[in-house]
Amino acid sequence: VKHLAFPKKKLVLLQMLEYSRSFLGSRLFFNGFSG
């Protein structure tokens, strides 16, 4: 990955926000008790 551009397509941007909420939220939270 040489350059990270901001998503131009609305559907891609919405999924990026969704992935951020999931992977940097609930999945790290479940790490606390191996859940």
PDB file of all heavy atoms in Angstrom:
ATOM      1  N   VAL A   1       0.859  -1.181   0.000  1.00  0.00           N
ATOM      2  CA  VAL A   1       0.000   0.000   0.000  1.00  0.00           C
ATOM      3  C   VAL A   1       0.896   1.231   0.000  1.00  0.00           C
ATOM      4  O   VAL A   1       1.582   1.516   0.990  1.00  0.00           O
ATOM      5  CB  VAL A   1      -0.930   0.008   1.228  1.00  0.00           C
ATOM      6  CG1 VAL A   1      -1.753   1.290   1.263  1.00  0.00           C
ATOM      7  CG2 VAL A   1      -1.847  -1.212   1.207  1.00  0.00           C
ATOM      8  N   LYS A   2       0.900   1.977  -1.112  1.00  0.00           N
ATOM      9  CA  LYS A   2       1.758   3.146  -1.255  1.00  0.00           C
ATOM     10  C   LYS A   2       1.050   4.444  -0.884  1.00  0.00           C
ATOM     11  O   LYS A   2       1.684   5.397  -0.454  1.00  0.00           O
ATOM     12  CB  LYS A   2       2.248   3.243  -2.710  1.00  0.00           C
ATOM     13  CG  LYS A   2       3.100   2.072  -3.163  1.00  0.00           C
ATOM     14  CD  LYS A   2       4.434   2.028  -2.445  1.00  0.00           C
ATOM     15  CE  LYS A   2       5.342   0.947  -3.022  1.00  0.00           C
ATOM     16  NZ  LYS A   2       6.633   0.878  -2.313  1.00  0.00           N
ATOM     17  N   HIS A   3      -0.258   4.461  -1.073  1.00  0.00           N
ATOM     18  CA  HIS A   3      -1.012   5.688  -0.802  1.00  0.00           C
ATOM     19  C   HIS A   3      -2.434   5.308  -0.411  1.00  0.00           C
ATOM     20  O   HIS A   3      -3.044   4.446  -1.030  1.00  0.00           O
ATOM     21  CB  HIS A   3      -1.030   6.593  -2.044  1.00  0.00           C
ATOM     22  CG  HIS A   3      -1.867   7.829  -1.882  1.00  0.00           C
ATOM     23  ND1 HIS A   3      -1.488   8.882  -1.093  1.00  0.00           N
ATOM     24  CD2 HIS A   3      -3.084   8.163  -2.395  1.00  0.00           C
ATOM     25  CE1 HIS A   3      -2.422   9.825  -1.131  1.00  0.00           C
ATOM     26  NE2 HIS A   3      -3.396   9.412  -1.915  1.00  0.00           N
ATOM     27  N   LEU A   4      -2.939   5.957   0.629  1.00  0.00           N
ATOM     28  CA  LEU A   4      -4.283   5.674   1.107  1.00  0.00           C
ATOM     29  C   LEU A   4      -5.183   6.862   0.803  1.00  0.00           C
ATOM     30  O   LEU A   4      -5.108   7.896   1.469  1.00  0.00           O
ATOM     31  CB  LEU A   4      -4.276   5.387   2.614  1.00  0.00           C
ATOM     32  CG  LEU A   4      -5.630   5.037   3.241  1.00  0.00           C
ATOM     33  CD1 LEU A   4      -6.220   3.807   2.576  1.00  0.00           C
ATOM     34  CD2 LEU A   4      -5.478   4.800   4.740  1.00  0.00           C
ATOM     35  N   ALA A   5      -5.990   6.734  -0.230  1.00  0.00           N
ATOM     36  CA  ALA A   5      -6.906   7.809  -0.616  1.00  0.00           C
ATOM     37  C   ALA A   5      -8.207   7.691   0.162  1.00  0.00           C
ATOM     38  O   ALA A   5      -8.590   6.605   0.607  1.00  0.00           O
ATOM     39  CB  ALA A   5      -7.181   7.740  -2.119  1.00  0.00           C
ATOM     40  N   PHE A   6      -8.890   8.808   0.325  1.00  0.00           N
ATOM     41  CA  PHE A   6     -10.170   8.807   1.024  1.00  0.00           C
ATOM     42  C   PHE A   6     -11.240   8.288   0.069  1.00  0.00           C
ATOM     43  O   PHE A   6     -11.254   8.657  -1.111  1.00  0.00           O
ATOM     44  CB  PHE A   6     -10.504  10.233   1.462  1.00  0.00           C
ATOM     45  CG  PHE A   6     -11.547  10.312   2.529  1.00  0.00           C
ATOM     46  CD1 PHE A   6     -11.245   9.980   3.837  1.00  0.00           C
ATOM     47  CD2 PHE A   6     -12.840  10.733   2.229  1.00  0.00           C
ATOM     48  CE1 PHE A   6     -12.203  10.054   4.832  1.00  0.00           C
ATOM     49  CE2 PHE A   6     -13.800  10.814   3.220  1.00  0.00           C
ATOM     50  CZ  PHE A   6     -13.479  10.478   4.521  1.00  0.00           C
ATOM     51  N   PRO A   7     -12.129   7.400   0.527  1.00  0.00           N
ATOM     52  CA  PRO A   7     -13.132   6.818  -0.379  1.00  0.00           C
ATOM     53  C   PRO A   7     -13.985   7.872  -1.081  1.00  0.00           C
ATOM     54  O   PRO A   7     -14.491   8.796  -0.449  1.00  0.00           O
ATOM     55  CB  PRO A   7     -13.997   5.963   0.563  1.00  0.00           C
ATOM     56  CG  PRO A   7     -13.115   5.658   1.716  1.00  0.00           C
ATOM     57  CD  PRO A   7     -12.249   6.861   1.893  1.00  0.00           C
ATOM     58  N   LYS A   8     -14.118   7.717  -2.377  1.00  0.00           N
ATOM     59  CA  LYS A   8     -14.959   8.628  -3.154  1.00  0.00           C
ATOM     60  C   LYS A   8     -16.398   8.124  -3.241  1.00  0.00           C
ATOM     61  O   LYS A   8     -17.331   8.923  -3.302  1.00  0.00           O
ATOM     62  CB  LYS A   8     -14.376   8.788  -4.566  1.00  0.00           C
ATOM     63  CG  LYS A   8     -13.010   9.456  -4.596  1.00  0.00           C
ATOM     64  CD  LYS A   8     -12.484   9.557  -6.022  1.00  0.00           C
ATOM     65  CE  LYS A   8     -11.106  10.214  -6.044  1.00  0.00           C
ATOM     66  NZ  LYS A   8     -10.564  10.293  -7.431  1.00  0.00           N
ATOM     67  N   LYS A   9     -16.569   6.821  -3.257  1.00  0.00           N
ATOM     68  CA  LYS A   9     -17.908   6.254  -3.357  1.00  0.00           C
ATOM     69  C   LYS A   9     -18.566   6.214  -1.985  1.00  0.00           C
ATOM     70  O   LYS A   9     -17.975   5.757  -1.003  1.00  0.00           O
ATOM     71  CB  LYS A   9     -17.843   4.850  -3.956  1.00  0.00           C
ATOM     72  CG  LYS A   9     -17.343   4.845  -5.398  1.00  0.00           C
ATOM     73  CD  LYS A   9     -17.433   3.465  -6.015  1.00  0.00           C
ATOM     74  CE  LYS A   9     -16.981   3.503  -7.481  1.00  0.00           C
ATOM     75  NZ  LYS A   9     -17.084   2.180  -8.124  1.00  0.00           N
ATOM     76  N   LYS A  10     -19.795   6.695  -1.928  1.00  0.00           N
ATOM     77  CA  LYS A  10     -20.505   6.803  -0.649  1.00  0.00           C
ATOM     78  C   LYS A  10     -20.663   5.444   0.027  1.00  0.00           C
ATOM     79  O   LYS A  10     -20.527   5.328   1.242  1.00  0.00           O
ATOM     80  CB  LYS A  10     -21.875   7.460  -0.873  1.00  0.00           C
ATOM     81  CG  LYS A  10     -21.810   8.889  -1.393  1.00  0.00           C
ATOM     82  CD  LYS A  10     -23.197   9.464  -1.591  1.00  0.00           C
ATOM     83  CE  LYS A  10     -23.138  10.912  -2.076  1.00  0.00           C
ATOM     84  NZ  LYS A  10     -22.478  11.044  -3.398  1.00  0.00           N
ATOM     85  N   LEU A  11     -20.942   4.406  -0.758  1.00  0.00           N
ATOM     86  CA  LEU A  11     -21.147   3.072  -0.182  1.00  0.00           C
ATOM     87  C   LEU A  11     -19.861   2.550   0.455  1.00  0.00           C
ATOM     88  O   LEU A  11     -19.896   1.905   1.510  1.00  0.00           O
ATOM     89  CB  LEU A  11     -21.644   2.107  -1.262  1.00  0.00           C
ATOM     90  CG  LEU A  11     -22.200   0.768  -0.780  1.00  0.00           C
ATOM     91  CD1 LEU A  11     -23.432   0.991   0.104  1.00  0.00           C
ATOM     92  CD2 LEU A  11     -22.562  -0.130  -1.967  1.00  0.00           C
ATOM     93  N   VAL A  12     -18.724   2.834  -0.163  1.00  0.00           N
ATOM     94  CA  VAL A  12     -17.437   2.408   0.384  1.00  0.00           C
ATOM     95  C   VAL A  12     -17.130   3.171   1.671  1.00  0.00           C
ATOM     96  O   VAL A  12     -16.656   2.596   2.659  1.00  0.00           O
ATOM     97  CB  VAL A  12     -16.310   2.615  -0.648  1.00  0.00           C
ATOM     98  CG1 VAL A  12     -14.946   2.310  -0.025  1.00  0.00           C
ATOM     99  CG2 VAL A  12     -16.534   1.728  -1.870  1.00  0.00           C
ATOM    100  N   LEU A  13     -17.412   4.485   1.676  1.00  0.00           N
ATOM    101  CA  LEU A  13     -17.169   5.301   2.868  1.00  0.00           C
ATOM    102  C   LEU A  13     -18.013   4.824   4.048  1.00  0.00           C
ATOM    103  O   LEU A  13     -17.529   4.719   5.183  1.00  0.00           O
ATOM    104  CB  LEU A  13     -17.476   6.772   2.565  1.00  0.00           C
ATOM    105  CG  LEU A  13     -17.401   7.751   3.745  1.00  0.00           C
ATOM    106  CD1 LEU A  13     -16.038   7.683   4.430  1.00  0.00           C
ATOM    107  CD2 LEU A  13     -17.700   9.170   3.277  1.00  0.00           C
ATOM    108  N   LEU A  14     -19.271   4.507   3.791  1.00  0.00           N
ATOM    109  CA  LEU A  14     -20.145   4.020   4.854  1.00  0.00           C
ATOM    110  C   LEU A  14     -19.643   2.698   5.430  1.00  0.00           C
ATOM    111  O   LEU A  14     -19.701   2.475   6.646  1.00  0.00           O
ATOM    112  CB  LEU A  14     -21.570   3.871   4.322  1.00  0.00           C
ATOM    113  CG  LEU A  14     -22.325   5.183   4.055  1.00  0.00           C
ATOM    114  CD1 LEU A  14     -23.568   4.935   3.214  1.00  0.00           C
ATOM    115  CD2 LEU A  14     -22.702   5.863   5.362  1.00  0.00           C
ATOM    116  N   GLN A  15     -19.126   1.832   4.571  1.00  0.00           N
ATOM    117  CA  GLN A  15     -18.576   0.566   5.057  1.00  0.00           C
ATOM    118  C   GLN A  15     -17.284   0.790   5.838  1.00  0.00           C
ATOM    119  O   GLN A  15     -17.016   0.075   6.816  1.00  0.00           O
ATOM    120  CB  GLN A  15     -18.321  -0.384   3.880  1.00  0.00           C
ATOM    121  CG  GLN A  15     -19.598  -0.913   3.243  1.00  0.00           C
ATOM    122  CD  GLN A  15     -19.309  -1.756   2.018  1.00  0.00           C
ATOM    123  OE1 GLN A  15     -19.027  -2.938   2.121  1.00  0.00           O
ATOM    124  NE2 GLN A  15     -19.390  -1.155   0.841  1.00  0.00           N
ATOM    125  N   MET A  16     -16.490   1.788   5.439  1.00  0.00           N
ATOM    126  CA  MET A  16     -15.275   2.092   6.182  1.00  0.00           C
ATOM    127  C   MET A  16     -15.612   2.533   7.606  1.00  0.00           C
ATOM    128  O   MET A  16     -14.963   2.104   8.573  1.00  0.00           O
ATOM    129  CB  MET A  16     -14.492   3.198   5.477  1.00  0.00           C
ATOM    130  CG  MET A  16     -13.154   3.518   6.129  1.00  0.00           C
ATOM    131  SD  MET A  16     -12.321   4.938   5.395  1.00  0.00           S
ATOM    132  CE  MET A  16     -13.337   6.278   6.042  1.00  0.00           C
ATOM    133  N   LEU A  17     -16.636   3.359   7.757  1.00  0.00           N
ATOM    134  CA  LEU A  17     -17.071   3.796   9.082  1.00  0.00           C
ATOM    135  C   LEU A  17     -17.588   2.609   9.893  1.00  0.00           C
ATOM    136  O   LEU A  17     -17.302   2.476  11.093  1.00  0.00           O
ATOM    137  CB  LEU A  17     -18.159   4.856   8.952  1.00  0.00           C
ATOM    138  CG  LEU A  17     -17.727   6.191   8.326  1.00  0.00           C
ATOM    139  CD1 LEU A  17     -18.945   7.068   8.065  1.00  0.00           C
ATOM    140  CD2 LEU A  17     -16.726   6.916   9.213  1.00  0.00           C
ATOM    141  N   GLU A  18     -18.324   1.734   9.222  1.00  0.00           N
ATOM    142  CA  GLU A  18     -18.870   0.545   9.880  1.00  0.00           C
ATOM    143  C   GLU A  18     -17.749  -0.378  10.357  1.00  0.00           C
ATOM    144  O   GLU A  18     -17.786  -0.888  11.489  1.00  0.00           O
ATOM    145  CB  GLU A  18     -19.787  -0.180   8.893  1.00  0.00           C
ATOM    146  CG  GLU A  18     -20.501  -1.391   9.449  1.00  0.00           C
ATOM    147  CD  GLU A  18     -21.232  -2.151   8.365  1.00  0.00           C
ATOM    148  OE1 GLU A  18     -20.790  -2.107   7.190  1.00  0.00           O
ATOM    149  OE2 GLU A  18     -22.223  -2.813   8.688  1.00  0.00           O
ATOM    150  N   TYR A  19     -16.739  -0.606   9.521  1.00  0.00           N
ATOM    151  CA  TYR A  19     -15.613  -1.457   9.882  1.00  0.00           C
ATOM    152  C   TYR A  19     -14.842  -0.853  11.057  1.00  0.00           C
ATOM    153  O   TYR A  19     -14.383  -1.577  11.944  1.00  0.00           O
ATOM    154  CB  TYR A  19     -14.668  -1.636   8.690  1.00  0.00           C
ATOM    155  CG  TYR A  19     -15.077  -2.725   7.712  1.00  0.00           C
ATOM    156  CD1 TYR A  19     -16.409  -2.877   7.315  1.00  0.00           C
ATOM    157  CD2 TYR A  19     -14.138  -3.590   7.171  1.00  0.00           C
ATOM    158  CE1 TYR A  19     -16.774  -3.857   6.410  1.00  0.00           C
ATOM    159  CE2 TYR A  19     -14.497  -4.584   6.267  1.00  0.00           C
ATOM    160  CZ  TYR A  19     -15.820  -4.708   5.888  1.00  0.00           C
ATOM    161  OH  TYR A  19     -16.182  -5.680   5.001  1.00  0.00           O
ATOM    162  N   SER A  20     -14.665   0.468  11.047  1.00  0.00           N
ATOM    163  CA  SER A  20     -13.949   1.133  12.137  1.00  0.00           C
ATOM    164  C   SER A  20     -14.653   0.884  13.460  1.00  0.00           C
ATOM    165  O   SER A  20     -14.016   0.562  14.473  1.00  0.00           O
ATOM    166  CB  SER A  20     -13.854   2.643  11.867  1.00  0.00           C
ATOM    167  OG  SER A  20     -13.108   2.911  10.707  1.00  0.00           O
ATOM    168  N   ARG A  21     -15.979   1.032  13.453  1.00  0.00           N
ATOM    169  CA  ARG A  21     -16.758   0.846  14.684  1.00  0.00           C
ATOM    170  C   ARG A  21     -16.667  -0.598  15.185  1.00  0.00           C
ATOM    171  O   ARG A  21     -16.577  -0.845  16.385  1.00  0.00           O
ATOM    172  CB  ARG A  21     -18.211   1.227  14.428  1.00  0.00           C
ATOM    173  CG  ARG A  21     -19.097   1.190  15.670  1.00  0.00           C
ATOM    174  CD  ARG A  21     -20.486   1.719  15.383  1.00  0.00           C
ATOM    175  NE  ARG A  21     -21.160   0.980  14.339  1.00  0.00           N
ATOM    176  CZ  ARG A  21     -21.521   1.509  13.157  1.00  0.00           C
ATOM    177  NH1 ARG A  21     -21.274   2.769  12.888  1.00  0.00           N
ATOM    178  NH2 ARG A  21     -22.132   0.763  12.250  1.00  0.00           N
ATOM    179  N   SER A  22     -16.656  -1.538  14.267  1.00  0.00           N
ATOM    180  CA  SER A  22     -16.639  -2.948  14.651  1.00  0.00           C
ATOM    181  C   SER A  22     -15.261  -3.395  15.121  1.00  0.00           C
ATOM    182  O   SER A  22     -15.103  -3.925  16.226  1.00  0.00           O
ATOM    183  CB  SER A  22     -17.096  -3.812  13.471  1.00  0.00           C
ATOM    184  OG  SER A  22     -16.976  -5.180  13.771  1.00  0.00           O
ATOM    185  N   PHE A  23     -14.229  -3.170  14.290  1.00  0.00           N
ATOM    186  CA  PHE A  23     -12.912  -3.711  14.594  1.00  0.00           C
ATOM    187  C   PHE A  23     -12.191  -2.935  15.688  1.00  0.00           C
ATOM    188  O   PHE A  23     -11.394  -3.506  16.431  1.00  0.00           O
ATOM    189  CB  PHE A  23     -12.054  -3.743  13.326  1.00  0.00           C
ATOM    190  CG  PHE A  23     -12.394  -4.871  12.402  1.00  0.00           C
ATOM    191  CD1 PHE A  23     -13.308  -4.702  11.371  1.00  0.00           C
ATOM    192  CD2 PHE A  23     -11.825  -6.116  12.569  1.00  0.00           C
ATOM    193  CE1 PHE A  23     -13.643  -5.743  10.527  1.00  0.00           C
ATOM    194  CE2 PHE A  23     -12.154  -7.175  11.734  1.00  0.00           C
ATOM    195  CZ  PHE A  23     -13.062  -6.992  10.704  1.00  0.00           C
ATOM    196  N   LEU A  24     -12.442  -1.632  15.794  1.00  0.00           N
ATOM    197  CA  LEU A  24     -11.759  -0.839  16.811  1.00  0.00           C
ATOM    198  C   LEU A  24     -12.640  -0.611  18.026  1.00  0.00           C
ATOM    199  O   LEU A  24     -12.316   0.195  18.886  1.00  0.00           O
ATOM    200  CB  LEU A  24     -11.314   0.500  16.219  1.00  0.00           C
ATOM    201  CG  LEU A  24     -10.249   0.377  15.129  1.00  0.00           C
ATOM    202  CD1 LEU A  24      -9.949   1.739  14.503  1.00  0.00           C
ATOM    203  CD2 LEU A  24      -8.964  -0.225  15.683  1.00  0.00           C
ATOM    204  N   GLY A  25     -13.762  -1.312  18.087  1.00  0.00           N
ATOM    205  CA  GLY A  25     -14.660  -1.203  19.223  1.00  0.00           C
ATOM    206  C   GLY A  25     -14.910  -2.553  19.852  1.00  0.00           C
ATOM    207  O   GLY A  25     -14.168  -3.010  20.725  1.00  0.00           O
ATOM    208  N   SER A  26     -15.957  -3.232  19.367  1.00  0.00           N
ATOM    209  CA  SER A  26     -16.401  -4.470  20.012  1.00  0.00           C
ATOM    210  C   SER A  26     -15.334  -5.561  20.032  1.00  0.00           C
ATOM    211  O   SER A  26     -15.175  -6.262  21.037  1.00  0.00           O
ATOM    212  CB  SER A  26     -17.665  -4.990  19.310  1.00  0.00           C
ATOM    213  OG  SER A  26     -17.416  -5.262  17.950  1.00  0.00           O
ATOM    214  N   ARG A  27     -14.564  -5.695  18.950  1.00  0.00           N
ATOM    215  CA  ARG A  27     -13.607  -6.811  18.911  1.00  0.00           C
ATOM    216  C   ARG A  27     -12.443  -6.600  19.871  1.00  0.00           C
ATOM    217  O   ARG A  27     -11.933  -7.564  20.457  1.00  0.00           O
ATOM    218  CB  ARG A  27     -13.118  -7.027  17.478  1.00  0.00           C
ATOM    219  CG  ARG A  27     -14.265  -7.358  16.538  1.00  0.00           C
ATOM    220  CD  ARG A  27     -13.848  -8.064  15.294  1.00  0.00           C
ATOM    221  NE  ARG A  27     -14.992  -8.242  14.400  1.00  0.00           N
ATOM    222  CZ  ARG A  27     -14.974  -8.964  13.299  1.00  0.00           C
ATOM    223  NH1 ARG A  27     -13.871  -9.587  12.947  1.00  0.00           N
ATOM    224  NH2 ARG A  27     -16.040  -9.082  12.542  1.00  0.00           N
ATOM    225  N   LEU A  28     -12.010  -5.353  20.038  1.00  0.00           N
ATOM    226  CA  LEU A  28     -10.971  -5.089  21.028  1.00  0.00           C
ATOM    227  C   LEU A  28     -11.533  -5.194  22.440  1.00  0.00           C
ATOM    228  O   LEU A  28     -10.834  -5.603  23.370  1.00  0.00           O
ATOM    229  CB  LEU A  28     -10.362  -3.703  20.791  1.00  0.00           C
ATOM    230  CG  LEU A  28      -9.569  -3.517  19.492  1.00  0.00           C
ATOM    231  CD1 LEU A  28      -8.934  -2.135  19.450  1.00  0.00           C
ATOM    232  CD2 LEU A  28      -8.498  -4.587  19.328  1.00  0.00           C
ATOM    233  N   PHE A  29     -12.801  -4.833  22.615  1.00  0.00           N
ATOM    234  CA  PHE A  29     -13.454  -4.970  23.919  1.00  0.00           C
ATOM    235  C   PHE A  29     -13.518  -6.442  24.337  1.00  0.00           C
ATOM    236  O   PHE A  29     -13.200  -6.795  25.480  1.00  0.00           O
ATOM    237  CB  PHE A  29     -14.853  -4.369  23.854  1.00  0.00           C
ATOM    238  CG  PHE A  29     -15.734  -4.717  25.028  1.00  0.00           C
ATOM    239  CD1 PHE A  29     -15.426  -4.267  26.304  1.00  0.00           C
ATOM    240  CD2 PHE A  29     -16.873  -5.498  24.862  1.00  0.00           C
ATOM    241  CE1 PHE A  29     -16.231  -4.588  27.399  1.00  0.00           C
ATOM    242  CE2 PHE A  29     -17.681  -5.825  25.936  1.00  0.00           C
ATOM    243  CZ  PHE A  29     -17.360  -5.366  27.210  1.00  0.00           C
ATOM    244  N   PHE A  30     -13.895  -7.324  23.397  1.00  0.00           N
ATOM    245  CA  PHE A  30     -13.976  -8.751  23.705  1.00  0.00           C
ATOM    246  C   PHE A  30     -12.609  -9.353  24.021  1.00  0.00           C
ATOM    247  O   PHE A  30     -12.526 -10.407  24.652  1.00  0.00           O
ATOM    248  CB  PHE A  30     -14.622  -9.505  22.547  1.00  0.00           C
ATOM    249  CG  PHE A  30     -16.116  -9.367  22.476  1.00  0.00           C
ATOM    250  CD1 PHE A  30     -16.745  -8.984  21.294  1.00  0.00           C
ATOM    251  CD2 PHE A  30     -16.906  -9.606  23.586  1.00  0.00           C
ATOM    252  CE1 PHE A  30     -18.123  -8.852  21.223  1.00  0.00           C
ATOM    253  CE2 PHE A  30     -18.285  -9.481  23.526  1.00  0.00           C
ATOM    254  CZ  PHE A  30     -18.900  -9.102  22.346  1.00  0.00           C
ATOM    255  N   ASN A  31     -11.525  -8.690  23.573  1.00  0.00           N
ATOM    256  CA  ASN A  31     -10.181  -9.178  23.913  1.00  0.00           C
ATOM    257  C   ASN A  31      -9.974  -9.271  25.416  1.00  0.00           C
ATOM    258  O   ASN A  31      -9.230 -10.118  25.901  1.00  0.00           O
ATOM    259  CB  ASN A  31      -9.107  -8.236  23.343  1.00  0.00           C
ATOM    260  CG  ASN A  31      -8.828  -8.474  21.873  1.00  0.00           C
ATOM    261  OD1 ASN A  31      -9.389  -9.382  21.262  1.00  0.00           O
ATOM    262  ND2 ASN A  31      -7.977  -7.649  21.302  1.00  0.00           N
ATOM    263  N   GLY A  32     -10.636  -8.361  26.148  1.00  0.00           N
ATOM    264  CA  GLY A  32     -10.422  -8.269  27.584  1.00  0.00           C
ATOM    265  C   GLY A  32     -10.718  -9.547  28.337  1.00  0.00           C
ATOM    266  O   GLY A  32     -10.136  -9.799  29.404  1.00  0.00           O
ATOM    267  N   PHE A  33     -11.616 -10.374  27.803  1.00  0.00           N
ATOM    268  CA  PHE A  33     -11.940 -11.642  28.470  1.00  0.00           C
ATOM    269  C   PHE A  33     -11.952 -12.799  27.477  1.00  0.00           C
ATOM    270  O   PHE A  33     -12.624 -13.797  27.680  1.00  0.00           O
ATOM    271  CB  PHE A  33     -13.294 -11.543  29.198  1.00  0.00           C
ATOM    272  CG  PHE A  33     -14.419 -11.012  28.348  1.00  0.00           C
ATOM    273  CD1 PHE A  33     -15.241 -11.862  27.632  1.00  0.00           C
ATOM    274  CD2 PHE A  33     -14.659  -9.646  28.275  1.00  0.00           C
ATOM    275  CE1 PHE A  33     -16.270 -11.383  26.855  1.00  0.00           C
ATOM    276  CE2 PHE A  33     -15.698  -9.155  27.498  1.00  0.00           C
ATOM    277  CZ  PHE A  33     -16.507 -10.016  26.783  1.00  0.00           C
ATOM    278  N   SER A  34     -11.160 -12.646  26.417  1.00  0.00           N
ATOM    279  CA  SER A  34     -11.057 -13.684  25.382  1.00  0.00           C
ATOM    280  C   SER A  34     -12.438 -14.105  24.889  1.00  0.00           C
ATOM    281  O   SER A  34     -12.727 -15.292  24.731  1.00  0.00           O
ATOM    282  CB  SER A  34     -10.294 -14.914  25.906  1.00  0.00           C
ATOM    283  OG  SER A  34     -10.046 -15.833  24.863  1.00  0.00           O
ATOM    284  N   GLY A  35     -13.276 -13.096  24.633  1.00  0.00           N
ATOM    285  CA  GLY A  35     -14.651 -13.387  24.265  1.00  0.00           C
ATOM    286  C   GLY A  35     -14.972 -13.238  22.791  1.00  0.00           C
ATOM    287  O   GLY A  35     -16.147 -13.266  22.408  1.00  0.00           O
TER     288      GLY A  35
END
